[in-house]
Amino acid sequence: AGEPWQGPWFARLGADEAAALPLVVDNLGQRPLEALVSLSGIPLTPAPAGGNGYRIERAYYDLEGRRIDPSSVVQGERMVAVISVGADAQGQARLIIDDPLPAGFEIDNPQLIKAGDIADIAWLNLEENAAHLEFRADRFVAALERAPRDPTRFQLAYRLRAVSPGVFSHPAATVEDMYRPQRRAWSETGRVTVSDPVR
């Protein structure tokens, strides 16, 4: 409130306080001081797909290999999620791929789909040798080690099922280089509608 302060200073401002007036901090002493400002919140509009050094996309197919729209599926419907990752250039990397599920979906079969498992999507360039896989209740996570001469593009696929009727937020899938976190990418977010089956 405009008065000198001698010791460490910490303030947490709510959205109304932060919007009401600017926060001004002046150093009136002779020594330089460090100031750290952290901002957290939920964006009003989802961030578009983007990244640095990588690209990631997510698509869904039925078990016959036809592409489907996840924004309108029926309870009980089984699908194949395909995560496509591309790098700007070849190079060694240790990557983490994180694909959060919308609340109305769950992983149906805890294993990666391999080339030829579903004949009509055999054209996919599926990566079958992940260093680590996690099929959690709310997400699919994979760790991959890429050698310097590996192709710049690869795909992962797993089975899932629509289980709960409703309208759900669909968070972005992400890829990140574990040792160079500035090299990362994220897909678009979306919404999923799971309908009751027609009786």
N, C-alpha and C. Protein backbone atom coordinates (compact mmCIF):
# COMPACT_ATOMS: atom_id res chain seq x y z
N ALA A 1 0.82 -1.19 0.00
CA ALA A 1 0.00 0.00 0.00
C ALA A 1 0.86 1.25 0.00
N GLY A 2 1.94 1.25 -0.75
CA GLY A 2 2.80 2.42 -0.88
C GLY A 2 3.79 2.59 0.24
N GLU A 3 3.98 1.59 1.11
CA GLU A 3 4.94 1.70 2.22
C GLU A 3 6.12 0.78 1.99
N PRO A 4 7.33 1.18 2.44
CA PRO A 4 8.51 0.32 2.27
C PRO A 4 8.34 -1.00 3.01
N TRP A 5 8.93 -2.03 2.46
CA TRP A 5 8.88 -3.37 3.06
C TRP A 5 10.28 -3.92 3.13
N GLN A 6 10.69 -4.42 4.29
CA GLN A 6 12.08 -4.83 4.50
C GLN A 6 12.33 -6.31 4.20
N GLY A 7 11.35 -7.15 4.36
CA GLY A 7 11.59 -8.58 4.24
C GLY A 7 10.98 -9.17 2.99
N PRO A 8 11.00 -10.52 2.89
CA PRO A 8 10.37 -11.16 1.74
C PRO A 8 8.90 -10.78 1.66
N TRP A 9 8.42 -10.63 0.45
CA TRP A 9 7.05 -10.19 0.25
C TRP A 9 6.35 -11.16 -0.68
N PHE A 10 5.15 -11.54 -0.30
CA PHE A 10 4.35 -12.46 -1.11
C PHE A 10 2.91 -11.97 -1.10
N ALA A 11 2.29 -11.96 -2.26
CA ALA A 11 0.89 -11.57 -2.32
C ALA A 11 0.19 -12.46 -3.34
N ARG A 12 -1.00 -12.89 -2.99
CA ARG A 12 -1.83 -13.65 -3.93
C ARG A 12 -3.06 -12.82 -4.22
N LEU A 13 -3.26 -12.52 -5.50
CA LEU A 13 -4.38 -11.68 -5.91
C LEU A 13 -5.41 -12.53 -6.64
N GLY A 14 -6.67 -12.36 -6.29
CA GLY A 14 -7.74 -13.01 -7.02
C GLY A 14 -8.00 -12.30 -8.33
N ALA A 15 -8.85 -12.89 -9.15
CA ALA A 15 -9.12 -12.33 -10.48
C ALA A 15 -9.67 -10.91 -10.39
N ASP A 16 -10.57 -10.64 -9.43
CA ASP A 16 -11.16 -9.31 -9.31
C ASP A 16 -10.12 -8.28 -8.89
N GLU A 17 -9.24 -8.66 -7.93
CA GLU A 17 -8.20 -7.73 -7.48
C GLU A 17 -7.20 -7.45 -8.58
N ALA A 18 -6.79 -8.48 -9.32
CA ALA A 18 -5.80 -8.30 -10.38
C ALA A 18 -6.35 -7.43 -11.51
N ALA A 19 -7.66 -7.54 -11.77
CA ALA A 19 -8.25 -6.76 -12.85
C ALA A 19 -8.55 -5.33 -12.44
N ALA A 20 -8.67 -5.08 -11.12
CA ALA A 20 -9.11 -3.76 -10.66
C ALA A 20 -8.04 -2.69 -10.86
N LEU A 21 -6.80 -3.01 -10.60
CA LEU A 21 -5.76 -1.99 -10.73
C LEU A 21 -4.41 -2.66 -10.96
N PRO A 22 -3.49 -1.96 -11.61
CA PRO A 22 -2.18 -2.57 -11.85
C PRO A 22 -1.39 -2.71 -10.55
N LEU A 23 -0.57 -3.75 -10.48
CA LEU A 23 0.30 -3.97 -9.34
C LEU A 23 1.66 -3.37 -9.66
N VAL A 24 2.10 -2.40 -8.87
CA VAL A 24 3.38 -1.73 -9.10
C VAL A 24 4.31 -2.04 -7.94
N VAL A 25 5.49 -2.54 -8.23
CA VAL A 25 6.50 -2.82 -7.22
C VAL A 25 7.75 -2.04 -7.57
N ASP A 26 8.19 -1.16 -6.68
CA ASP A 26 9.40 -0.36 -6.89
C ASP A 26 10.47 -0.80 -5.91
N ASN A 27 11.70 -0.90 -6.37
CA ASN A 27 12.83 -1.19 -5.50
C ASN A 27 13.44 0.15 -5.07
N LEU A 28 13.24 0.54 -3.80
CA LEU A 28 13.75 1.82 -3.31
C LEU A 28 15.13 1.70 -2.69
N GLY A 29 15.65 0.48 -2.63
CA GLY A 29 16.98 0.25 -2.04
C GLY A 29 18.09 0.39 -3.07
N GLN A 30 19.32 0.09 -2.62
CA GLN A 30 20.50 0.24 -3.48
C GLN A 30 20.86 -1.08 -4.18
N ARG A 31 20.41 -2.19 -3.64
CA ARG A 31 20.75 -3.49 -4.22
C ARG A 31 19.67 -3.95 -5.18
N PRO A 32 20.06 -4.61 -6.28
CA PRO A 32 19.04 -5.16 -7.18
C PRO A 32 18.30 -6.32 -6.50
N LEU A 33 17.05 -6.44 -6.80
CA LEU A 33 16.21 -7.51 -6.27
C LEU A 33 15.56 -8.27 -7.41
N GLU A 34 15.27 -9.52 -7.16
CA GLU A 34 14.56 -10.31 -8.14
C GLU A 34 13.06 -10.28 -7.83
N ALA A 35 12.27 -10.21 -8.88
CA ALA A 35 10.82 -10.25 -8.72
C ALA A 35 10.29 -11.40 -9.57
N LEU A 36 9.43 -12.18 -9.01
CA LEU A 36 8.83 -13.31 -9.71
C LEU A 36 7.32 -13.15 -9.68
N VAL A 37 6.72 -13.17 -10.85
CA VAL A 37 5.27 -13.07 -10.96
C VAL A 37 4.76 -14.34 -11.63
N SER A 38 3.84 -15.02 -10.97
CA SER A 38 3.23 -16.23 -11.53
C SER A 38 1.76 -15.95 -11.81
N LEU A 39 1.30 -16.47 -12.92
CA LEU A 39 -0.09 -16.29 -13.32
C LEU A 39 -0.69 -17.66 -13.60
N SER A 40 -1.81 -17.95 -13.01
CA SER A 40 -2.48 -19.22 -13.27
C SER A 40 -3.96 -18.96 -13.51
N GLY A 41 -4.56 -19.83 -14.28
CA GLY A 41 -5.97 -19.68 -14.57
C GLY A 41 -6.38 -20.58 -15.72
N ILE A 42 -7.64 -20.50 -16.08
CA ILE A 42 -8.19 -21.28 -17.18
C ILE A 42 -8.54 -20.30 -18.30
N PRO A 43 -7.99 -20.51 -19.50
CA PRO A 43 -8.29 -19.58 -20.60
C PRO A 43 -9.78 -19.57 -20.93
N LEU A 44 -10.27 -18.42 -21.35
CA LEU A 44 -11.66 -18.32 -21.77
C LEU A 44 -11.90 -19.06 -23.08
N THR A 45 -10.91 -19.04 -23.95
CA THR A 45 -11.00 -19.79 -25.21
C THR A 45 -9.82 -20.74 -25.29
N PRO A 46 -10.01 -21.97 -25.75
CA PRO A 46 -8.91 -22.94 -25.82
C PRO A 46 -7.81 -22.46 -26.76
N ALA A 47 -6.59 -22.80 -26.42
CA ALA A 47 -5.46 -22.47 -27.28
C ALA A 47 -5.51 -23.31 -28.54
N PRO A 48 -5.16 -22.74 -29.70
CA PRO A 48 -5.12 -23.55 -30.91
C PRO A 48 -3.94 -24.52 -30.87
N ALA A 49 -3.99 -25.53 -31.73
CA ALA A 49 -2.87 -26.46 -31.83
C ALA A 49 -1.60 -25.71 -32.19
N GLY A 50 -0.47 -26.17 -31.68
CA GLY A 50 0.79 -25.50 -31.98
C GLY A 50 1.96 -26.25 -31.37
N GLY A 51 3.12 -25.61 -31.38
CA GLY A 51 4.29 -26.24 -30.80
C GLY A 51 5.59 -25.66 -31.32
N ASN A 52 6.67 -26.24 -30.85
CA ASN A 52 8.01 -25.83 -31.23
C ASN A 52 8.84 -27.09 -31.47
N GLY A 53 9.17 -27.36 -32.71
CA GLY A 53 9.99 -28.52 -33.05
C GLY A 53 9.20 -29.78 -33.33
N TYR A 54 7.94 -29.83 -32.90
CA TYR A 54 7.11 -31.00 -33.10
C TYR A 54 5.70 -30.59 -33.50
N ARG A 55 4.95 -31.55 -34.04
CA ARG A 55 3.52 -31.42 -34.32
C ARG A 55 2.86 -32.68 -33.80
N ILE A 56 1.64 -32.56 -33.30
CA ILE A 56 0.89 -33.72 -32.83
C ILE A 56 -0.56 -33.57 -33.23
N GLU A 57 -1.14 -34.66 -33.71
CA GLU A 57 -2.54 -34.69 -34.12
C GLU A 57 -3.19 -35.94 -33.55
N ARG A 58 -4.49 -35.87 -33.35
CA ARG A 58 -5.24 -37.00 -32.81
C ARG A 58 -6.44 -37.25 -33.72
N ALA A 59 -6.68 -38.52 -34.06
CA ALA A 59 -7.81 -38.89 -34.91
C ALA A 59 -8.42 -40.18 -34.38
N TYR A 60 -9.69 -40.40 -34.73
CA TYR A 60 -10.40 -41.59 -34.27
C TYR A 60 -10.96 -42.36 -35.46
N TYR A 61 -10.93 -43.70 -35.33
CA TYR A 61 -11.43 -44.60 -36.37
C TYR A 61 -12.31 -45.65 -35.72
N ASP A 62 -13.26 -46.18 -36.50
CA ASP A 62 -14.01 -47.32 -35.99
C ASP A 62 -13.18 -48.58 -36.22
N LEU A 63 -13.70 -49.72 -35.79
CA LEU A 63 -12.91 -50.95 -35.87
C LEU A 63 -12.82 -51.49 -37.28
N GLU A 64 -13.52 -50.86 -38.23
CA GLU A 64 -13.36 -51.22 -39.64
C GLU A 64 -12.39 -50.27 -40.35
N GLY A 65 -11.84 -49.33 -39.62
CA GLY A 65 -10.85 -48.43 -40.20
C GLY A 65 -11.41 -47.17 -40.80
N ARG A 66 -12.71 -46.88 -40.59
CA ARG A 66 -13.29 -45.64 -41.12
C ARG A 66 -13.11 -44.52 -40.10
N ARG A 67 -12.72 -43.35 -40.58
CA ARG A 67 -12.54 -42.21 -39.69
C ARG A 67 -13.90 -41.77 -39.13
N ILE A 68 -13.93 -41.46 -37.83
CA ILE A 68 -15.18 -41.03 -37.19
C ILE A 68 -14.97 -39.71 -36.47
N ASP A 69 -16.08 -39.05 -36.21
CA ASP A 69 -16.06 -37.77 -35.50
C ASP A 69 -16.33 -38.04 -34.02
N PRO A 70 -15.36 -37.80 -33.12
CA PRO A 70 -15.56 -38.10 -31.71
C PRO A 70 -16.53 -37.16 -31.01
N SER A 71 -16.95 -36.09 -31.70
CA SER A 71 -17.88 -35.16 -31.06
C SER A 71 -19.30 -35.71 -31.07
N SER A 72 -19.53 -36.85 -31.70
CA SER A 72 -20.87 -37.43 -31.73
C SER A 72 -20.75 -38.95 -31.87
N VAL A 73 -20.68 -39.62 -30.71
CA VAL A 73 -20.60 -41.08 -30.70
C VAL A 73 -21.70 -41.63 -29.79
N VAL A 74 -21.91 -42.93 -29.88
CA VAL A 74 -22.97 -43.59 -29.13
C VAL A 74 -22.35 -44.38 -27.98
N GLN A 75 -23.01 -44.39 -26.84
CA GLN A 75 -22.54 -45.15 -25.69
C GLN A 75 -22.31 -46.61 -26.10
N GLY A 76 -21.16 -47.14 -25.71
CA GLY A 76 -20.79 -48.51 -26.06
C GLY A 76 -19.96 -48.62 -27.32
N GLU A 77 -19.88 -47.55 -28.10
CA GLU A 77 -19.13 -47.58 -29.36
C GLU A 77 -17.64 -47.74 -29.08
N ARG A 78 -17.00 -48.66 -29.81
CA ARG A 78 -15.56 -48.89 -29.68
C ARG A 78 -14.83 -48.15 -30.80
N MET A 79 -13.68 -47.62 -30.47
CA MET A 79 -12.93 -46.80 -31.42
C MET A 79 -11.44 -47.11 -31.31
N VAL A 80 -10.70 -46.60 -32.28
CA VAL A 80 -9.25 -46.63 -32.26
C VAL A 80 -8.77 -45.19 -32.26
N ALA A 81 -7.99 -44.82 -31.26
CA ALA A 81 -7.38 -43.49 -31.21
C ALA A 81 -6.00 -43.58 -31.86
N VAL A 82 -5.73 -42.66 -32.78
CA VAL A 82 -4.44 -42.63 -33.47
C VAL A 82 -3.78 -41.29 -33.17
N ILE A 83 -2.60 -41.36 -32.57
CA ILE A 83 -1.81 -40.17 -32.25
C ILE A 83 -0.67 -40.08 -33.25
N SER A 84 -0.63 -39.00 -34.03
CA SER A 84 0.41 -38.80 -35.04
C SER A 84 1.35 -37.71 -34.56
N VAL A 85 2.64 -38.01 -34.56
CA VAL A 85 3.66 -37.07 -34.10
C VAL A 85 4.67 -36.86 -35.21
N GLY A 86 5.01 -35.62 -35.47
CA GLY A 86 6.02 -35.29 -36.46
C GLY A 86 7.04 -34.33 -35.88
N ALA A 87 8.30 -34.51 -36.25
CA ALA A 87 9.38 -33.62 -35.82
C ALA A 87 9.83 -32.78 -37.00
N ASP A 88 10.35 -31.59 -36.71
CA ASP A 88 10.85 -30.71 -37.77
C ASP A 88 12.09 -31.28 -38.44
N ALA A 89 12.86 -32.10 -37.71
CA ALA A 89 14.10 -32.66 -38.25
C ALA A 89 14.43 -33.95 -37.51
N GLN A 90 15.24 -34.79 -38.14
CA GLN A 90 15.70 -36.00 -37.46
C GLN A 90 16.60 -35.61 -36.30
N GLY A 91 16.63 -36.47 -35.29
CA GLY A 91 17.51 -36.22 -34.15
C GLY A 91 17.15 -37.11 -32.99
N GLN A 92 18.12 -37.33 -32.13
CA GLN A 92 17.88 -38.15 -30.95
C GLN A 92 16.98 -37.40 -29.97
N ALA A 93 16.05 -38.12 -29.37
CA ALA A 93 15.14 -37.49 -28.41
C ALA A 93 14.50 -38.56 -27.54
N ARG A 94 14.13 -38.16 -26.34
CA ARG A 94 13.32 -38.99 -25.46
C ARG A 94 12.00 -38.25 -25.27
N LEU A 95 10.96 -38.84 -25.79
CA LEU A 95 9.68 -38.14 -25.88
C LEU A 95 8.65 -38.73 -24.93
N ILE A 96 7.80 -37.86 -24.41
CA ILE A 96 6.61 -38.26 -23.66
C ILE A 96 5.39 -37.81 -24.45
N ILE A 97 4.51 -38.76 -24.73
CA ILE A 97 3.23 -38.45 -25.38
C ILE A 97 2.14 -38.64 -24.34
N ASP A 98 1.30 -37.64 -24.16
CA ASP A 98 0.24 -37.66 -23.15
C ASP A 98 -1.08 -37.33 -23.85
N ASP A 99 -1.99 -38.29 -23.83
CA ASP A 99 -3.29 -38.09 -24.48
C ASP A 99 -4.40 -38.22 -23.45
N PRO A 100 -4.87 -37.11 -22.87
CA PRO A 100 -5.95 -37.18 -21.88
C PRO A 100 -7.27 -37.59 -22.54
N LEU A 101 -8.03 -38.40 -21.85
CA LEU A 101 -9.32 -38.83 -22.36
C LEU A 101 -10.42 -37.88 -21.89
N PRO A 102 -11.45 -37.67 -22.71
CA PRO A 102 -12.62 -36.97 -22.19
C PRO A 102 -13.31 -37.88 -21.17
N ALA A 103 -14.06 -37.30 -20.26
CA ALA A 103 -14.64 -38.08 -19.16
C ALA A 103 -15.56 -39.19 -19.63
N GLY A 104 -16.15 -39.10 -20.80
CA GLY A 104 -17.07 -40.13 -21.28
C GLY A 104 -16.42 -41.31 -21.96
N PHE A 105 -15.07 -41.30 -22.10
CA PHE A 105 -14.35 -42.38 -22.77
C PHE A 105 -13.51 -43.15 -21.75
N GLU A 106 -13.22 -44.41 -22.06
CA GLU A 106 -12.24 -45.16 -21.29
C GLU A 106 -11.47 -46.08 -22.23
N ILE A 107 -10.24 -46.39 -21.85
CA ILE A 107 -9.42 -47.28 -22.66
C ILE A 107 -10.01 -48.68 -22.58
N ASP A 108 -10.16 -49.30 -23.75
CA ASP A 108 -10.87 -50.57 -23.85
C ASP A 108 -9.94 -51.77 -23.74
N ASN A 109 -8.74 -51.63 -24.26
CA ASN A 109 -7.80 -52.75 -24.30
C ASN A 109 -6.41 -52.21 -24.04
N PRO A 110 -5.80 -52.52 -22.90
CA PRO A 110 -4.52 -51.89 -22.53
C PRO A 110 -3.32 -52.47 -23.28
N GLN A 111 -3.27 -52.19 -24.57
CA GLN A 111 -2.08 -52.51 -25.35
C GLN A 111 -2.10 -51.66 -26.61
N LEU A 112 -0.91 -51.39 -27.12
CA LEU A 112 -0.82 -50.66 -28.37
C LEU A 112 -1.31 -51.52 -29.52
N ILE A 113 -1.99 -50.89 -30.47
CA ILE A 113 -2.33 -51.59 -31.71
C ILE A 113 -1.07 -51.70 -32.56
N LYS A 114 -0.87 -52.87 -33.11
CA LYS A 114 0.31 -53.10 -33.94
C LYS A 114 -0.11 -53.11 -35.41
N ALA A 115 0.86 -52.94 -36.28
CA ALA A 115 0.60 -52.94 -37.71
C ALA A 115 -0.11 -54.23 -38.10
N GLY A 116 -1.21 -54.11 -38.82
CA GLY A 116 -1.95 -55.29 -39.27
C GLY A 116 -3.03 -55.75 -38.32
N ASP A 117 -3.10 -55.20 -37.10
CA ASP A 117 -4.17 -55.61 -36.17
C ASP A 117 -5.54 -55.28 -36.74
N ILE A 118 -5.64 -54.15 -37.41
CA ILE A 118 -6.89 -53.76 -38.06
C ILE A 118 -6.57 -53.53 -39.53
N ALA A 119 -7.04 -54.44 -40.37
CA ALA A 119 -6.59 -54.48 -41.76
C ALA A 119 -6.83 -53.19 -42.50
N ASP A 120 -7.97 -52.54 -42.26
CA ASP A 120 -8.32 -51.37 -43.05
C ASP A 120 -7.58 -50.10 -42.64
N ILE A 121 -6.79 -50.16 -41.56
CA ILE A 121 -5.92 -49.01 -41.26
C ILE A 121 -4.46 -49.45 -41.26
N ALA A 122 -4.16 -50.49 -42.06
CA ALA A 122 -2.77 -50.97 -42.15
C ALA A 122 -1.84 -49.93 -42.75
N TRP A 123 -2.42 -48.89 -43.40
CA TRP A 123 -1.59 -47.83 -43.98
C TRP A 123 -0.96 -46.95 -42.91
N LEU A 124 -1.40 -47.07 -41.66
CA LEU A 124 -0.81 -46.25 -40.60
C LEU A 124 0.64 -46.65 -40.38
N ASN A 125 1.47 -45.67 -40.07
CA ASN A 125 2.89 -45.92 -39.78
C ASN A 125 3.04 -46.09 -38.27
N LEU A 126 2.55 -47.23 -37.75
CA LEU A 126 2.47 -47.41 -36.31
C LEU A 126 3.82 -47.75 -35.69
N GLU A 127 4.11 -47.05 -34.60
CA GLU A 127 5.30 -47.31 -33.80
C GLU A 127 4.93 -48.38 -32.77
N GLU A 128 5.68 -49.48 -32.77
CA GLU A 128 5.34 -50.60 -31.89
C GLU A 128 6.32 -50.76 -30.73
N ASN A 129 7.38 -49.98 -30.71
CA ASN A 129 8.43 -50.18 -29.71
C ASN A 129 8.54 -48.97 -28.79
N ALA A 130 7.57 -48.83 -27.92
CA ALA A 130 7.63 -47.76 -26.93
C ALA A 130 8.45 -48.22 -25.73
N ALA A 131 9.23 -47.30 -25.15
CA ALA A 131 10.03 -47.64 -23.96
C ALA A 131 9.15 -47.84 -22.74
N HIS A 132 8.02 -47.15 -22.69
CA HIS A 132 7.14 -47.24 -21.53
C HIS A 132 5.73 -46.86 -21.95
N LEU A 133 4.73 -47.58 -21.42
CA LEU A 133 3.33 -47.31 -21.73
C LEU A 133 2.52 -47.28 -20.45
N GLU A 134 1.55 -46.36 -20.38
CA GLU A 134 0.61 -46.32 -19.26
C GLU A 134 -0.79 -46.12 -19.83
N PHE A 135 -1.68 -47.06 -19.49
CA PHE A 135 -3.07 -46.96 -19.89
C PHE A 135 -3.86 -46.64 -18.63
N ARG A 136 -3.94 -45.37 -18.29
CA ARG A 136 -4.60 -44.94 -17.05
C ARG A 136 -6.10 -44.77 -17.27
N ALA A 137 -6.80 -44.53 -16.16
CA ALA A 137 -8.24 -44.33 -16.25
C ALA A 137 -8.58 -43.05 -17.00
N ASP A 138 -7.70 -42.05 -16.94
CA ASP A 138 -8.03 -40.75 -17.54
C ASP A 138 -7.11 -40.34 -18.68
N ARG A 139 -6.14 -41.19 -19.06
CA ARG A 139 -5.22 -40.80 -20.13
C ARG A 139 -4.39 -41.97 -20.60
N PHE A 140 -3.82 -41.79 -21.79
CA PHE A 140 -2.83 -42.70 -22.36
C PHE A 140 -1.49 -41.97 -22.36
N VAL A 141 -0.45 -42.63 -21.85
CA VAL A 141 0.88 -42.01 -21.78
C VAL A 141 1.89 -42.99 -22.37
N ALA A 142 2.79 -42.48 -23.20
CA ALA A 142 3.84 -43.31 -23.79
C ALA A 142 5.17 -42.56 -23.75
N ALA A 143 6.24 -43.28 -23.50
CA ALA A 143 7.60 -42.74 -23.58
C ALA A 143 8.31 -43.45 -24.72
N LEU A 144 8.95 -42.69 -25.59
CA LEU A 144 9.65 -43.26 -26.74
C LEU A 144 11.06 -42.68 -26.83
N GLU A 145 11.99 -43.51 -27.24
CA GLU A 145 13.36 -43.05 -27.50
C GLU A 145 13.56 -43.05 -29.00
N ARG A 146 13.88 -41.88 -29.53
CA ARG A 146 14.09 -41.73 -30.96
C ARG A 146 15.58 -41.64 -31.25
N ALA A 147 16.06 -42.48 -32.16
CA ALA A 147 17.47 -42.48 -32.56
C ALA A 147 17.70 -41.38 -33.59
N PRO A 148 18.96 -40.96 -33.77
CA PRO A 148 19.25 -39.84 -34.69
C PRO A 148 18.72 -40.05 -36.11
N ARG A 149 18.66 -41.29 -36.58
CA ARG A 149 18.23 -41.52 -37.97
C ARG A 149 16.80 -42.07 -38.08
N ASP A 150 16.08 -42.09 -36.99
CA ASP A 150 14.69 -42.55 -37.05
C ASP A 150 13.86 -41.59 -37.90
N PRO A 151 12.77 -42.08 -38.52
CA PRO A 151 11.90 -41.19 -39.31
C PRO A 151 11.37 -40.05 -38.44
N THR A 152 11.09 -38.94 -39.08
CA THR A 152 10.60 -37.77 -38.33
C THR A 152 9.13 -37.89 -37.96
N ARG A 153 8.42 -38.86 -38.55
CA ARG A 153 6.98 -39.00 -38.27
C ARG A 153 6.69 -40.42 -37.81
N PHE A 154 5.85 -40.55 -36.79
CA PHE A 154 5.41 -41.87 -36.32
C PHE A 154 4.01 -41.74 -35.73
N GLN A 155 3.38 -42.88 -35.51
CA GLN A 155 2.01 -42.91 -34.99
C GLN A 155 1.88 -43.99 -33.92
N LEU A 156 1.03 -43.71 -32.94
CA LEU A 156 0.65 -44.67 -31.91
C LEU A 156 -0.85 -44.85 -31.97
N ALA A 157 -1.33 -46.05 -31.64
CA ALA A 157 -2.77 -46.30 -31.68
C ALA A 157 -3.16 -47.22 -30.53
N TYR A 158 -4.34 -46.95 -29.97
CA TYR A 158 -4.89 -47.79 -28.91
C TYR A 158 -6.41 -47.80 -29.01
N ARG A 159 -7.02 -48.81 -28.38
CA ARG A 159 -8.47 -48.95 -28.44
C ARG A 159 -9.13 -48.24 -27.25
N LEU A 160 -10.30 -47.69 -27.49
CA LEU A 160 -11.07 -47.09 -26.40
C LEU A 160 -12.56 -47.22 -26.70
N ARG A 161 -13.38 -46.84 -25.72
CA ARG A 161 -14.81 -47.05 -25.82
C ARG A 161 -15.54 -45.88 -25.19
N ALA A 162 -16.68 -45.51 -25.76
CA ALA A 162 -17.55 -44.49 -25.17
C ALA A 162 -18.40 -45.16 -24.10
N VAL A 163 -18.32 -44.68 -22.85
CA VAL A 163 -18.97 -45.38 -21.75
C VAL A 163 -20.07 -44.59 -21.04
N SER A 164 -19.99 -43.27 -21.06
CA SER A 164 -20.94 -42.45 -20.28
C SER A 164 -21.60 -41.41 -21.16
N PRO A 165 -22.94 -41.41 -21.23
CA PRO A 165 -23.62 -40.37 -22.01
C PRO A 165 -23.37 -38.98 -21.41
N GLY A 166 -23.29 -37.99 -22.28
CA GLY A 166 -23.10 -36.61 -21.84
C GLY A 166 -22.24 -35.84 -22.80
N VAL A 167 -21.98 -34.59 -22.44
CA VAL A 167 -21.12 -33.70 -23.22
C VAL A 167 -19.89 -33.42 -22.38
N PHE A 168 -18.70 -33.69 -22.94
CA PHE A 168 -17.47 -33.63 -22.17
C PHE A 168 -16.40 -32.82 -22.90
N SER A 169 -15.57 -32.14 -22.12
CA SER A 169 -14.41 -31.44 -22.67
C SER A 169 -13.35 -32.45 -23.07
N HIS A 170 -12.66 -32.18 -24.17
CA HIS A 170 -11.63 -33.09 -24.68
C HIS A 170 -10.29 -32.35 -24.67
N PRO A 171 -9.45 -32.55 -23.63
CA PRO A 171 -8.18 -31.81 -23.55
C PRO A 171 -7.23 -32.15 -24.70
N ALA A 172 -6.26 -31.30 -24.89
CA ALA A 172 -5.28 -31.48 -25.96
C ALA A 172 -4.33 -32.63 -25.65
N ALA A 173 -3.92 -33.35 -26.68
CA ALA A 173 -2.81 -34.30 -26.58
C ALA A 173 -1.51 -33.52 -26.68
N THR A 174 -0.45 -34.00 -26.00
CA THR A 174 0.83 -33.30 -26.02
C THR A 174 1.98 -34.25 -26.28
N VAL A 175 3.06 -33.72 -26.85
CA VAL A 175 4.33 -34.42 -26.97
C VAL A 175 5.41 -33.48 -26.47
N GLU A 176 6.36 -34.02 -25.71
CA GLU A 176 7.42 -33.18 -25.14
C GLU A 176 8.72 -33.96 -25.10
N ASP A 177 9.81 -33.30 -25.47
CA ASP A 177 11.15 -33.85 -25.30
C ASP A 177 11.52 -33.73 -23.83
N MET A 178 11.75 -34.85 -23.15
CA MET A 178 11.96 -34.83 -21.69
C MET A 178 13.15 -33.98 -21.28
N TYR A 179 14.20 -33.92 -22.12
CA TYR A 179 15.40 -33.19 -21.74
C TYR A 179 15.53 -31.84 -22.43
N ARG A 180 14.61 -31.53 -23.31
CA ARG A 180 14.54 -30.21 -23.94
C ARG A 180 13.07 -29.80 -23.97
N PRO A 181 12.51 -29.46 -22.81
CA PRO A 181 11.06 -29.25 -22.72
C PRO A 181 10.54 -28.10 -23.57
N GLN A 182 11.42 -27.22 -24.04
CA GLN A 182 10.95 -26.17 -24.94
C GLN A 182 10.54 -26.75 -26.30
N ARG A 183 11.00 -27.97 -26.60
CA ARG A 183 10.61 -28.66 -27.84
C ARG A 183 9.38 -29.52 -27.52
N ARG A 184 8.23 -29.00 -27.85
CA ARG A 184 6.97 -29.66 -27.48
C ARG A 184 5.87 -29.21 -28.43
N ALA A 185 4.76 -29.94 -28.39
CA ALA A 185 3.62 -29.57 -29.22
C ALA A 185 2.34 -30.05 -28.55
N TRP A 186 1.22 -29.47 -28.97
CA TRP A 186 -0.08 -29.83 -28.42
C TRP A 186 -1.10 -29.79 -29.56
N SER A 187 -2.09 -30.67 -29.45
CA SER A 187 -3.15 -30.73 -30.46
C SER A 187 -4.26 -29.75 -30.11
N GLU A 188 -5.28 -29.71 -30.94
CA GLU A 188 -6.46 -28.92 -30.62
C GLU A 188 -7.24 -29.57 -29.49
N THR A 189 -7.97 -28.77 -28.74
CA THR A 189 -8.91 -29.29 -27.77
C THR A 189 -10.28 -29.43 -28.47
N GLY A 190 -11.23 -30.01 -27.78
CA GLY A 190 -12.53 -30.17 -28.40
C GLY A 190 -13.59 -30.56 -27.39
N ARG A 191 -14.73 -30.99 -27.89
CA ARG A 191 -15.81 -31.48 -27.05
C ARG A 191 -16.30 -32.80 -27.61
N VAL A 192 -16.73 -33.66 -26.72
CA VAL A 192 -17.22 -34.98 -27.09
C VAL A 192 -18.65 -35.11 -26.62
N THR A 193 -19.53 -35.60 -27.48
CA THR A 193 -20.91 -35.89 -27.09
C THR A 193 -21.13 -37.39 -27.22
N VAL A 194 -21.47 -38.02 -26.10
CA VAL A 194 -21.78 -39.45 -26.09
C VAL A 194 -23.29 -39.58 -25.91
N SER A 195 -23.95 -40.18 -26.89
CA SER A 195 -25.41 -40.29 -26.87
C SER A 195 -25.83 -41.67 -26.35
N ASP A 196 -27.04 -41.72 -25.78
CA ASP A 196 -27.62 -43.00 -25.39
C ASP A 196 -27.87 -43.82 -26.66
N PRO A 197 -27.65 -45.12 -26.59
CA PRO A 197 -27.95 -45.95 -27.78
C PRO A 197 -29.45 -45.95 -28.07
N VAL A 198 -29.78 -46.01 -29.33
CA VAL A 198 -31.19 -46.04 -29.74
C VAL A 198 -31.75 -47.41 -29.40
N ARG A 199 -32.85 -47.42 -28.70
CA ARG A 199 -33.45 -48.71 -28.29
C ARG A 199 -34.61 -49.07 -29.21
